[in-house]
Amino acid sequence: MRFGIIANPKSGATTIARKQRMLRRAAEILGEGTIVAGLETTSKQQFIRRAKDLASQVDVMVVAGGDGTFSDIINAIDPQTTLSYMPLGSGCALRYALGLPPQLSRIARQIREGRFRRLDLILCDDSVKAFMASVGLEGDILNRRETLQASGVRGPQAYAMATFGSFVGDLERTDMTITVDGQTLAVPHAVTTIVTKIPYYGYNMKIVPNAAFDDGRLHLLAVNSGRSQLVQTVASALIDENKLGTYRAGRDIQIDMPNERRAQTDGNLYRRGKTFRFRVLPQALNMWY
């Protein structure tokens, strides 16, 4: 089995020099001939081209970056490519969803001794693949975070400041009509609606505990709680698991709103709109871990 590591130089707050040292050690564990690439790239387009090139040379391509990096890869490369994952970002929900240990050296050993698995994905608006998405609050937070990052604030600090700003300001709400496999659900004054394949958000927050990566269903959580309940949701998700919100599961979900809201996919800003559609893509992701 030949491995290659495609590493995003912009993920997280770790310097490129430190990433090089960490990934060099991980490559040694994965075995002779393991290629490390990507840290030399200077744009997203160049990074994606390098990933496509590496994927053609290896049996398993290990994506080293954050959730957004992994999302960029699954939307750019041949879907038959077998992937693995090393978290280098800030929150890294995918790390918790895959049950990966905190140290890259231990993750490398787990990958080396891993096995092939087929996992589901979400198809958003028949165009973008993801493993988690939401419409509402999280998109607002990411929009604030991008502004902070442009001013030089990065890593967990940027996310914390953006979250605080969204919570202390006027929480943007809108009525949502949600259709799950033909059944309609009305959620008045919704703050956010999550559509996901995994239970976790970043920082080990278990937000949608019933979600599973390989069950052939989408998992929806609609939240219209007040500010104090939202804080309770975050706290309970960090300590144990979230128990608030309206939960549904199905294969096809549509969200309609009278007002535009921002959506995010895998920690990346997606788009603004009044209508969003999500379909499950069963066994669409080839993974090794």
Protein backbone atom coordinates (compact mmCIF):
# COMPACT_ATOMS: atom_id res chain seq x y z
CA MET A 1 0.00 0.00 0.00
CA ARG A 2 1.51 3.31 -1.07
CA PHE A 3 0.45 6.45 0.80
CA GLY A 4 0.74 10.11 -0.09
CA ILE A 5 0.02 13.15 2.10
CA ILE A 6 -1.48 16.31 0.60
CA ALA A 7 -1.06 19.09 3.19
CA ASN A 8 -2.76 22.48 3.20
CA PRO A 9 -0.21 25.17 4.15
CA LYS A 10 -3.00 27.51 5.35
CA SER A 11 -4.86 25.14 7.71
CA GLY A 12 -4.79 26.01 11.41
CA ALA A 13 -2.31 28.22 13.21
CA THR A 14 0.74 25.90 12.95
CA THR A 15 3.70 27.24 10.97
CA ILE A 16 4.68 25.58 7.71
CA ALA A 17 8.06 24.63 9.19
CA ARG A 18 6.37 22.80 12.07
CA LYS A 19 3.94 21.10 9.68
CA GLN A 20 6.90 19.89 7.63
CA ARG A 21 8.51 18.32 10.70
CA MET A 22 5.27 16.69 11.87
CA LEU A 23 4.38 15.32 8.45
CA ARG A 24 7.91 14.07 7.78
CA ARG A 25 7.60 11.90 10.90
CA ALA A 26 4.10 10.77 9.85
CA ALA A 27 5.44 9.82 6.41
CA GLU A 28 8.17 7.70 8.00
CA ILE A 29 5.51 5.81 9.94
CA LEU A 30 3.34 5.31 6.84
CA GLY A 31 6.24 3.67 5.08
CA GLU A 32 8.99 4.06 2.54
CA GLY A 33 7.98 5.97 -0.56
CA THR A 34 5.30 8.07 1.15
CA ILE A 35 5.10 11.42 -0.63
CA VAL A 36 4.39 14.69 1.22
CA ALA A 37 3.10 17.47 -1.04
CA GLY A 38 1.08 20.67 -0.94
CA LEU A 39 2.95 22.80 1.59
CA GLU A 40 4.77 24.52 -1.25
CA THR A 41 1.53 25.73 -2.89
CA THR A 42 0.44 29.36 -2.66
CA SER A 43 -3.18 29.28 -3.86
CA LYS A 44 -6.23 27.05 -3.61
CA GLN A 45 -6.10 26.33 -7.33
CA GLN A 46 -2.46 25.26 -7.14
CA PHE A 47 -3.20 23.12 -4.08
CA ILE A 48 -6.04 21.31 -5.89
CA ARG A 49 -3.86 20.68 -8.95
CA ARG A 50 -1.17 19.22 -6.71
CA ALA A 51 -3.75 17.00 -4.99
CA LYS A 52 -5.00 15.64 -8.31
CA ASP A 53 -1.45 14.88 -9.38
CA LEU A 54 -0.65 13.11 -6.11
CA ALA A 55 -3.86 11.07 -6.18
CA SER A 56 -2.76 9.50 -9.47
CA GLN A 57 0.51 8.31 -7.90
CA VAL A 58 -0.67 6.61 -4.69
CA ASP A 59 -3.13 4.02 -3.40
CA VAL A 60 -4.35 6.18 -0.51
CA MET A 61 -4.14 9.97 -0.39
CA VAL A 62 -4.07 11.36 3.15
CA VAL A 63 -5.59 14.85 3.41
CA ALA A 64 -3.77 16.89 6.06
CA GLY A 65 -5.76 20.01 6.91
CA GLY A 66 -9.08 21.11 8.34
CA ASP A 67 -12.65 20.12 7.53
CA GLY A 68 -12.75 22.70 4.75
CA THR A 69 -9.61 21.27 3.14
CA PHE A 70 -11.13 17.80 3.08
CA SER A 71 -14.32 19.26 1.58
CA ASP A 72 -12.33 21.01 -1.15
CA ILE A 73 -10.65 17.70 -2.01
CA ILE A 74 -13.83 15.60 -2.23
CA ASN A 75 -15.34 18.19 -4.57
CA ALA A 76 -12.31 18.33 -6.86
CA ILE A 77 -10.83 14.86 -7.32
CA ASP A 78 -12.01 11.62 -8.91
CA PRO A 79 -14.65 10.11 -6.55
CA GLN A 80 -12.98 6.70 -6.91
CA THR A 81 -9.89 8.01 -5.08
CA THR A 82 -9.35 6.44 -1.66
CA LEU A 83 -8.74 9.08 1.01
CA SER A 84 -7.61 9.26 4.60
CA TYR A 85 -7.35 12.20 6.98
CA MET A 86 -4.91 13.95 9.31
CA PRO A 87 -6.33 16.97 11.17
CA LEU A 88 -4.25 20.15 10.92
CA GLY A 89 -7.08 22.70 11.20
CA SER A 90 -8.66 24.38 14.21
CA GLY A 91 -11.91 22.58 15.09
CA CYS A 92 -11.61 19.46 12.89
CA ALA A 93 -15.03 17.85 13.35
CA LEU A 94 -13.90 15.08 10.99
CA ARG A 95 -11.23 13.98 13.47
CA TYR A 96 -13.89 13.19 16.08
CA ALA A 97 -16.25 11.61 13.55
CA LEU A 98 -13.52 9.18 12.47
CA GLY A 99 -12.37 8.48 16.04
CA LEU A 100 -8.80 9.65 15.42
CA PRO A 101 -6.34 10.13 18.32
CA PRO A 102 -4.87 13.60 19.03
CA GLN A 103 -1.25 12.94 17.95
CA LEU A 104 -0.33 12.78 14.25
CA SER A 105 2.12 9.95 14.92
CA ARG A 106 -0.67 7.83 16.40
CA ILE A 107 -2.98 8.77 13.53
CA ALA A 108 -0.29 7.70 11.05
CA ARG A 109 -0.03 4.30 12.74
CA GLN A 110 -3.81 3.93 12.68
CA ILE A 111 -3.87 4.76 8.97
CA ARG A 112 -1.01 2.35 8.23
CA GLU A 113 -2.92 -0.45 9.96
CA GLY A 114 -6.35 0.67 8.72
CA ARG A 115 -8.89 -0.82 6.38
CA PHE A 116 -11.07 0.28 3.47
CA ARG A 117 -14.51 1.73 4.27
CA ARG A 118 -17.27 3.33 2.23
CA LEU A 119 -19.05 6.30 3.79
CA ASP A 120 -21.98 8.50 2.75
CA LEU A 121 -21.93 12.12 1.65
CA ILE A 122 -24.46 14.92 1.27
CA LEU A 123 -25.21 16.43 -2.14
CA CYS A 124 -26.16 20.09 -1.70
CA ASP A 125 -28.31 21.62 -4.44
CA ASP A 126 -27.19 18.87 -6.85
CA SER A 127 -23.76 20.50 -7.04
CA VAL A 128 -21.62 20.46 -3.88
CA LYS A 129 -20.62 17.40 -1.82
CA ALA A 130 -20.26 17.67 1.95
CA PHE A 131 -20.36 15.67 5.17
CA MET A 132 -22.03 18.42 7.22
CA ALA A 133 -23.99 21.54 6.31
CA SER A 134 -26.22 24.10 7.96
CA VAL A 135 -28.41 27.07 7.14
CA GLY A 136 -28.39 29.98 9.57
CA LEU A 137 -26.22 30.80 12.57
CA GLU A 138 -23.07 28.91 11.56
CA GLY A 139 -22.95 30.72 8.22
CA ASP A 140 -23.17 34.03 10.05
CA ILE A 141 -20.31 32.98 12.36
CA LEU A 142 -18.13 31.94 9.41
CA ASN A 143 -18.82 35.23 7.67
CA ARG A 144 -17.60 37.08 10.78
CA ARG A 145 -14.59 34.75 11.04
CA GLU A 146 -13.53 35.49 7.46
CA THR A 147 -13.55 39.21 8.27
CA LEU A 148 -11.40 38.57 11.35
CA GLN A 149 -8.99 36.37 9.39
CA ALA A 150 -8.59 39.10 6.80
CA SER A 151 -7.47 41.38 9.62
CA GLY A 152 -4.86 38.86 10.81
CA VAL A 153 -6.77 37.00 13.57
CA ARG A 154 -6.54 33.25 12.95
CA GLY A 155 -7.10 29.82 14.52
CA PRO A 156 -9.39 29.19 17.50
CA GLN A 157 -9.26 32.86 18.49
CA ALA A 158 -10.95 33.95 15.27
CA TYR A 159 -13.67 31.33 15.65
CA ALA A 160 -14.27 32.22 19.31
CA MET A 161 -14.51 35.94 18.56
CA ALA A 162 -16.87 35.34 15.63
CA THR A 163 -19.11 33.09 17.73
CA PHE A 164 -19.22 35.61 20.57
CA GLY A 165 -20.10 38.38 18.13
CA SER A 166 -23.00 36.39 16.67
CA PHE A 167 -24.35 35.41 20.09
CA VAL A 168 -24.22 38.85 21.73
CA GLY A 169 -25.72 40.61 18.71
CA ASP A 170 -29.27 40.23 17.46
CA LEU A 171 -29.68 36.56 16.58
CA GLU A 172 -30.94 36.48 13.01
CA ARG A 173 -34.04 34.29 12.71
CA THR A 174 -36.46 33.26 9.99
CA ASP A 175 -39.39 30.89 9.62
CA MET A 176 -38.37 27.65 7.90
CA THR A 177 -40.50 25.12 6.08
CA ILE A 178 -38.56 21.84 6.04
CA THR A 179 -39.55 18.87 3.90
CA VAL A 180 -38.02 15.51 4.81
CA ASP A 181 -38.85 12.67 2.38
CA GLY A 182 -42.15 14.37 1.52
CA GLN A 183 -43.16 15.15 5.12
CA THR A 184 -43.36 18.87 5.95
CA LEU A 185 -42.21 20.42 9.21
CA ALA A 186 -42.72 24.09 10.15
CA VAL A 187 -40.03 25.68 12.33
CA PRO A 188 -40.91 29.27 13.27
CA HIS A 189 -38.17 31.78 14.15
CA ALA A 190 -35.39 29.28 13.36
CA VAL A 191 -31.83 30.20 14.32
CA THR A 192 -30.23 27.33 12.41
CA THR A 193 -30.98 24.02 10.74
CA ILE A 194 -28.20 21.44 10.50
CA VAL A 195 -28.07 18.68 7.87
CA THR A 196 -25.24 16.27 8.58
CA LYS A 197 -23.72 12.82 8.26
CA ILE A 198 -21.64 13.10 11.44
CA PRO A 199 -22.54 13.70 15.09
CA TYR A 200 -19.83 16.29 15.74
CA TYR A 201 -19.00 19.90 15.18
CA GLY A 202 -15.46 21.08 15.80
CA TYR A 203 -13.83 20.95 19.22
CA ASN A 204 -15.57 17.63 20.00
CA MET A 205 -19.06 19.16 20.28
CA LYS A 206 -21.59 16.33 19.84
CA ILE A 207 -24.41 18.35 18.29
CA VAL A 208 -26.42 15.69 16.39
CA PRO A 209 -25.78 12.51 18.39
CA ASN A 210 -27.90 10.22 16.17
CA ALA A 211 -25.97 11.01 13.00
CA ALA A 212 -23.89 8.25 11.40
CA PHE A 213 -21.45 8.33 8.49
CA ASP A 214 -22.59 5.05 6.94
CA ASP A 215 -26.34 4.59 7.53
CA GLY A 216 -27.66 5.87 4.18
CA ARG A 217 -29.61 8.75 5.77
CA LEU A 218 -29.30 12.48 6.34
CA HIS A 219 -29.70 13.76 9.89
CA LEU A 220 -31.44 17.08 10.48
CA LEU A 221 -31.55 19.23 13.61
CA ALA A 222 -33.64 22.42 13.57
CA VAL A 223 -33.08 24.91 16.39
CA ASN A 224 -35.24 27.91 17.31
CA SER A 225 -34.21 28.22 20.96
CA GLY A 226 -33.48 31.44 22.81
CA ARG A 227 -29.98 32.70 23.55
CA SER A 228 -29.71 31.01 26.97
CA GLN A 229 -30.83 27.67 25.53
CA LEU A 230 -28.29 28.00 22.71
CA VAL A 231 -25.53 28.46 25.27
CA GLN A 232 -26.87 25.39 27.08
CA THR A 233 -26.79 23.47 23.78
CA VAL A 234 -23.10 24.28 23.28
CA ALA A 235 -22.24 23.44 26.88
CA SER A 236 -24.08 20.09 26.87
CA ALA A 237 -22.56 19.18 23.46
CA LEU A 238 -19.06 19.78 24.85
CA ILE A 239 -19.66 17.83 28.07
CA ASP A 240 -21.81 14.97 26.75
CA GLU A 241 -24.21 15.45 23.85
CA ASN A 242 -26.83 17.95 22.72
CA LYS A 243 -30.44 17.15 23.62
CA LEU A 244 -32.17 20.28 22.29
CA GLY A 245 -33.79 21.00 18.92
CA THR A 246 -36.12 19.18 16.54
CA TYR A 247 -34.57 16.06 15.00
CA ARG A 248 -35.53 14.22 11.81
CA ALA A 249 -33.78 11.70 9.52
CA GLY A 250 -34.35 10.99 5.84
CA ARG A 251 -32.79 10.76 2.40
CA ASP A 252 -34.04 13.99 0.80
CA ILE A 253 -34.39 17.35 2.59
CA GLN A 254 -35.51 20.75 1.35
CA ILE A 255 -35.47 23.98 3.37
CA ASP A 256 -37.59 26.94 2.26
CA MET A 257 -37.58 30.40 3.89
CA PRO A 258 -39.15 33.81 3.23
CA ASN A 259 -35.82 35.52 3.99
CA GLU A 260 -32.31 34.77 2.75
CA ARG A 261 -29.88 33.09 5.15
CA ARG A 262 -26.26 32.03 4.77
CA ALA A 263 -25.38 28.35 4.49
CA GLN A 264 -22.09 26.60 5.19
CA THR A 265 -20.69 23.25 4.13
CA ASP A 266 -17.92 21.57 6.15
CA GLY A 267 -16.86 24.85 7.73
CA ASN A 268 -16.73 26.77 4.43
CA LEU A 269 -19.17 29.53 3.55
CA TYR A 270 -21.48 28.14 0.85
CA ARG A 271 -24.06 30.68 -0.36
CA ARG A 272 -27.03 32.85 0.63
CA GLY A 273 -30.49 31.82 -0.42
CA LYS A 274 -34.12 31.15 0.41
CA THR A 275 -34.18 27.51 -0.73
CA PHE A 276 -31.68 24.71 -0.16
CA ARG A 277 -31.93 21.05 -1.09
CA PHE A 278 -29.90 18.15 0.32
CA ARG A 279 -29.79 14.53 -0.85
CA VAL A 280 -27.86 11.59 0.56
CA LEU A 281 -25.14 10.02 -1.57
CA PRO A 282 -24.82 6.49 -0.14
CA GLN A 283 -21.29 5.00 -0.05
CA ALA A 284 -19.93 7.87 -2.15
CA LEU A 285 -16.73 8.37 -0.15
CA ASN A 286 -13.87 5.84 -0.27
CA MET A 287 -11.94 6.02 2.99
CA TRP A 288 -9.00 4.21 4.59
CA TYR A 289 -8.45 4.45 8.35
